Amino acid sequence: MKLKDSFINYKMNDENVLVTVDNQIFSGIVHLNKVSAFIADCLKEDISEEKLINAILNKYDVDRKTAVTDVQNVIKQLKSIGAIDE
């Protein structure tokens, strides 16, 4: 899976945000915490859910269950706004 090219994540005034250049897909700004911003960054390239989980485990001091839950929640939210290409 991969973040659609029309979605851009960046840091604005010390806050991570995700916006789209195609307002027919989604109109608005998504505010990201550090973990969801990291996941969105990883999704710039085609990556599997398992590799995302492993990236979280390597980056943050969390257990596997937390990493799985975080990745699944962020992916679900990104899919709900049409931000993911599968």
N, C-alpha and C. Protein backbone atom coordinates (compact mmCIF):
# COMPACT_ATOMS: atom_id res chain seq x y z
N MET A 1 0.84 -1.16 0.00
CA MET A 1 0.00 0.00 0.00
C MET A 1 0.89 1.24 0.00
N LYS A 2 0.29 2.35 -0.43
CA LYS A 2 1.07 3.57 -0.58
C LYS A 2 0.15 4.78 -0.43
N LEU A 3 0.70 5.86 0.10
CA LEU A 3 -0.04 7.12 0.18
C LEU A 3 -0.21 7.64 -1.24
N LYS A 4 -1.43 8.06 -1.58
CA LYS A 4 -1.68 8.58 -2.92
C LYS A 4 -0.81 9.81 -3.15
N ASP A 5 -0.36 9.97 -4.39
CA ASP A 5 0.51 11.08 -4.74
C ASP A 5 -0.12 12.44 -4.49
N SER A 6 -1.44 12.51 -4.48
CA SER A 6 -2.13 13.79 -4.27
C SER A 6 -2.14 14.22 -2.80
N PHE A 7 -1.66 13.35 -1.90
CA PHE A 7 -1.59 13.69 -0.49
C PHE A 7 -0.15 14.03 -0.11
N ILE A 8 -0.01 15.10 0.65
CA ILE A 8 1.31 15.59 1.05
C ILE A 8 1.32 15.73 2.57
N ASN A 9 2.32 15.17 3.20
CA ASN A 9 2.47 15.38 4.64
C ASN A 9 3.69 16.25 4.88
N TYR A 10 3.54 17.19 5.78
CA TYR A 10 4.64 18.09 6.10
C TYR A 10 4.45 18.68 7.48
N LYS A 11 5.49 19.35 7.95
CA LYS A 11 5.46 19.97 9.26
C LYS A 11 5.16 21.45 9.08
N MET A 12 4.15 21.94 9.80
CA MET A 12 3.73 23.33 9.71
C MET A 12 3.63 23.88 11.13
N ASN A 13 4.48 24.86 11.45
CA ASN A 13 4.47 25.45 12.80
C ASN A 13 4.57 24.38 13.89
N ASP A 14 5.54 23.50 13.77
CA ASP A 14 5.77 22.42 14.73
C ASP A 14 4.62 21.42 14.83
N GLU A 15 3.76 21.38 13.82
CA GLU A 15 2.66 20.43 13.80
C GLU A 15 2.71 19.67 12.49
N ASN A 16 2.55 18.35 12.57
CA ASN A 16 2.53 17.51 11.37
C ASN A 16 1.12 17.49 10.80
N VAL A 17 1.02 17.75 9.49
CA VAL A 17 -0.28 17.77 8.84
C VAL A 17 -0.22 17.00 7.53
N LEU A 18 -1.39 16.58 7.08
CA LEU A 18 -1.55 15.88 5.81
C LEU A 18 -2.62 16.64 5.04
N VAL A 19 -2.30 17.04 3.82
CA VAL A 19 -3.26 17.75 2.97
C VAL A 19 -3.27 17.10 1.61
N THR A 20 -4.29 17.42 0.83
CA THR A 20 -4.37 16.89 -0.53
C THR A 20 -4.44 18.04 -1.52
N VAL A 21 -3.90 17.81 -2.69
CA VAL A 21 -3.99 18.80 -3.76
C VAL A 21 -5.21 18.52 -4.64
N ASP A 22 -5.95 17.46 -4.32
CA ASP A 22 -7.15 17.10 -5.06
C ASP A 22 -8.34 17.12 -4.11
N ASN A 23 -9.03 18.28 -4.04
CA ASN A 23 -10.11 18.39 -3.07
C ASN A 23 -11.35 17.60 -3.46
N GLN A 24 -11.33 16.90 -4.60
CA GLN A 24 -12.43 16.00 -4.93
C GLN A 24 -12.31 14.69 -4.17
N ILE A 25 -11.11 14.38 -3.70
CA ILE A 25 -10.89 13.18 -2.89
C ILE A 25 -11.21 13.49 -1.43
N PHE A 26 -10.62 14.58 -0.94
CA PHE A 26 -10.77 14.96 0.46
C PHE A 26 -10.48 16.44 0.55
N SER A 27 -11.27 17.13 1.34
CA SER A 27 -11.08 18.56 1.52
C SER A 27 -10.84 18.82 3.00
N GLY A 28 -9.66 19.28 3.33
CA GLY A 28 -9.37 19.56 4.73
C GLY A 28 -7.92 19.29 5.06
N ILE A 29 -7.62 19.42 6.32
CA ILE A 29 -6.28 19.17 6.84
C ILE A 29 -6.40 18.09 7.90
N VAL A 30 -5.52 17.12 7.84
CA VAL A 30 -5.46 16.07 8.85
C VAL A 30 -4.27 16.37 9.74
N HIS A 31 -4.52 16.52 11.03
CA HIS A 31 -3.45 16.76 11.99
C HIS A 31 -2.90 15.42 12.44
N LEU A 32 -1.59 15.26 12.36
CA LEU A 32 -0.95 13.98 12.66
C LEU A 32 -0.10 14.09 13.92
N ASN A 33 -0.16 13.07 14.76
CA ASN A 33 0.80 13.01 15.85
C ASN A 33 2.11 12.45 15.29
N LYS A 34 3.12 12.32 16.12
CA LYS A 34 4.44 11.88 15.63
C LYS A 34 4.40 10.49 15.01
N VAL A 35 3.65 9.58 15.61
CA VAL A 35 3.60 8.21 15.09
C VAL A 35 2.86 8.18 13.76
N SER A 36 1.72 8.84 13.67
CA SER A 36 0.97 8.83 12.41
C SER A 36 1.73 9.58 11.32
N ALA A 37 2.48 10.61 11.68
CA ALA A 37 3.32 11.31 10.69
C ALA A 37 4.43 10.38 10.19
N PHE A 38 5.01 9.58 11.10
CA PHE A 38 6.03 8.62 10.71
C PHE A 38 5.44 7.57 9.76
N ILE A 39 4.24 7.10 10.07
CA ILE A 39 3.58 6.11 9.21
C ILE A 39 3.31 6.72 7.84
N ALA A 40 2.78 7.94 7.81
CA ALA A 40 2.51 8.61 6.53
C ALA A 40 3.80 8.79 5.74
N ASP A 41 4.89 9.08 6.43
CA ASP A 41 6.19 9.19 5.76
C ASP A 41 6.61 7.86 5.15
N CYS A 42 6.43 6.78 5.89
CA CYS A 42 6.76 5.44 5.38
C CYS A 42 5.91 5.10 4.17
N LEU A 43 4.67 5.60 4.14
CA LEU A 43 3.75 5.28 3.05
C LEU A 43 4.04 6.07 1.77
N LYS A 44 5.09 6.87 1.77
CA LYS A 44 5.48 7.55 0.53
C LYS A 44 5.97 6.52 -0.49
N GLU A 45 6.45 5.40 0.02
CA GLU A 45 6.87 4.27 -0.81
C GLU A 45 5.90 3.13 -0.57
N ASP A 46 5.77 2.24 -1.55
CA ASP A 46 4.90 1.07 -1.39
C ASP A 46 5.46 0.20 -0.26
N ILE A 47 4.61 -0.08 0.72
CA ILE A 47 5.07 -0.83 1.90
C ILE A 47 3.92 -1.69 2.42
N SER A 48 4.25 -2.83 2.97
CA SER A 48 3.23 -3.72 3.53
C SER A 48 2.93 -3.30 4.97
N GLU A 49 1.80 -3.77 5.46
CA GLU A 49 1.44 -3.50 6.86
C GLU A 49 2.48 -4.07 7.81
N GLU A 50 2.97 -5.26 7.51
CA GLU A 50 3.97 -5.89 8.38
C GLU A 50 5.26 -5.07 8.43
N LYS A 51 5.69 -4.53 7.30
CA LYS A 51 6.90 -3.70 7.29
C LYS A 51 6.68 -2.39 8.05
N LEU A 52 5.46 -1.85 7.98
CA LEU A 52 5.13 -0.65 8.76
C LEU A 52 5.22 -0.95 10.26
N ILE A 53 4.69 -2.09 10.66
CA ILE A 53 4.74 -2.49 12.07
C ILE A 53 6.19 -2.62 12.52
N ASN A 54 7.01 -3.28 11.70
CA ASN A 54 8.43 -3.43 12.05
C ASN A 54 9.15 -2.09 12.11
N ALA A 55 8.78 -1.16 11.23
CA ALA A 55 9.39 0.18 11.25
C ALA A 55 9.04 0.90 12.55
N ILE A 56 7.79 0.76 13.00
CA ILE A 56 7.37 1.36 14.28
C ILE A 56 8.16 0.73 15.43
N LEU A 57 8.29 -0.59 15.41
CA LEU A 57 9.04 -1.27 16.48
C LEU A 57 10.50 -0.84 16.52
N ASN A 58 11.08 -0.57 15.35
CA ASN A 58 12.47 -0.13 15.30
C ASN A 58 12.65 1.32 15.72
N LYS A 59 11.64 2.15 15.48
CA LYS A 59 11.73 3.58 15.75
C LYS A 59 11.32 3.95 17.18
N TYR A 60 10.30 3.30 17.70
CA TYR A 60 9.74 3.66 19.00
C TYR A 60 9.85 2.51 19.99
N ASP A 61 9.87 2.85 21.25
CA ASP A 61 9.95 1.86 22.32
C ASP A 61 8.53 1.44 22.71
N VAL A 62 7.93 0.58 21.87
CA VAL A 62 6.57 0.08 22.10
C VAL A 62 6.56 -1.42 21.90
N ASP A 63 5.55 -2.06 22.47
CA ASP A 63 5.41 -3.50 22.26
C ASP A 63 4.71 -3.74 20.92
N ARG A 64 4.76 -4.97 20.46
CA ARG A 64 4.21 -5.33 19.15
C ARG A 64 2.70 -5.06 19.09
N LYS A 65 1.97 -5.36 20.15
CA LYS A 65 0.52 -5.16 20.16
C LYS A 65 0.18 -3.68 19.93
N THR A 66 0.90 -2.80 20.58
CA THR A 66 0.69 -1.36 20.42
C THR A 66 1.01 -0.93 19.00
N ALA A 67 2.12 -1.43 18.46
CA ALA A 67 2.52 -1.08 17.09
C ALA A 67 1.46 -1.53 16.08
N VAL A 68 0.96 -2.75 16.25
CA VAL A 68 -0.06 -3.28 15.34
C VAL A 68 -1.32 -2.41 15.41
N THR A 69 -1.76 -2.11 16.62
CA THR A 69 -2.96 -1.28 16.80
C THR A 69 -2.78 0.09 16.18
N ASP A 70 -1.63 0.72 16.42
CA ASP A 70 -1.37 2.06 15.87
C ASP A 70 -1.38 2.04 14.35
N VAL A 71 -0.69 1.08 13.76
CA VAL A 71 -0.62 1.00 12.30
C VAL A 71 -2.01 0.74 11.72
N GLN A 72 -2.74 -0.18 12.29
CA GLN A 72 -4.08 -0.49 11.78
C GLN A 72 -5.02 0.71 11.90
N ASN A 73 -4.94 1.44 13.01
CA ASN A 73 -5.80 2.62 13.18
C ASN A 73 -5.47 3.72 12.19
N VAL A 74 -4.20 3.98 11.98
CA VAL A 74 -3.80 5.04 11.04
C VAL A 74 -4.18 4.65 9.62
N ILE A 75 -3.94 3.40 9.25
CA ILE A 75 -4.31 2.94 7.90
C ILE A 75 -5.82 3.05 7.70
N LYS A 76 -6.59 2.66 8.70
CA LYS A 76 -8.05 2.75 8.61
C LYS A 76 -8.49 4.20 8.39
N GLN A 77 -7.90 5.11 9.14
CA GLN A 77 -8.25 6.52 9.00
C GLN A 77 -7.84 7.08 7.63
N LEU A 78 -6.66 6.70 7.18
CA LEU A 78 -6.20 7.18 5.87
C LEU A 78 -7.07 6.61 4.75
N LYS A 79 -7.47 5.37 4.88
CA LYS A 79 -8.37 4.77 3.88
C LYS A 79 -9.72 5.48 3.88
N SER A 80 -10.20 5.89 5.04
CA SER A 80 -11.52 6.53 5.13
C SER A 80 -11.57 7.87 4.40
N ILE A 81 -10.41 8.51 4.22
CA ILE A 81 -10.38 9.78 3.48
C ILE A 81 -9.85 9.59 2.06
N GLY A 82 -9.63 8.34 1.66
CA GLY A 82 -9.19 8.06 0.29
C GLY A 82 -7.73 8.36 0.04
N ALA A 83 -6.90 8.26 1.09
CA ALA A 83 -5.49 8.63 0.97
C ALA A 83 -4.56 7.47 0.61
N ILE A 84 -5.09 6.25 0.59
CA ILE A 84 -4.25 5.06 0.38
C ILE A 84 -4.53 4.41 -0.97
N ASP A 85 -3.46 4.10 -1.69
CA ASP A 85 -3.52 3.24 -2.88
C ASP A 85 -3.10 1.86 -2.42
N GLU A 86 -3.89 0.86 -2.78
CA GLU A 86 -3.52 -0.51 -2.37
C GLU A 86 -3.04 -1.31 -3.54
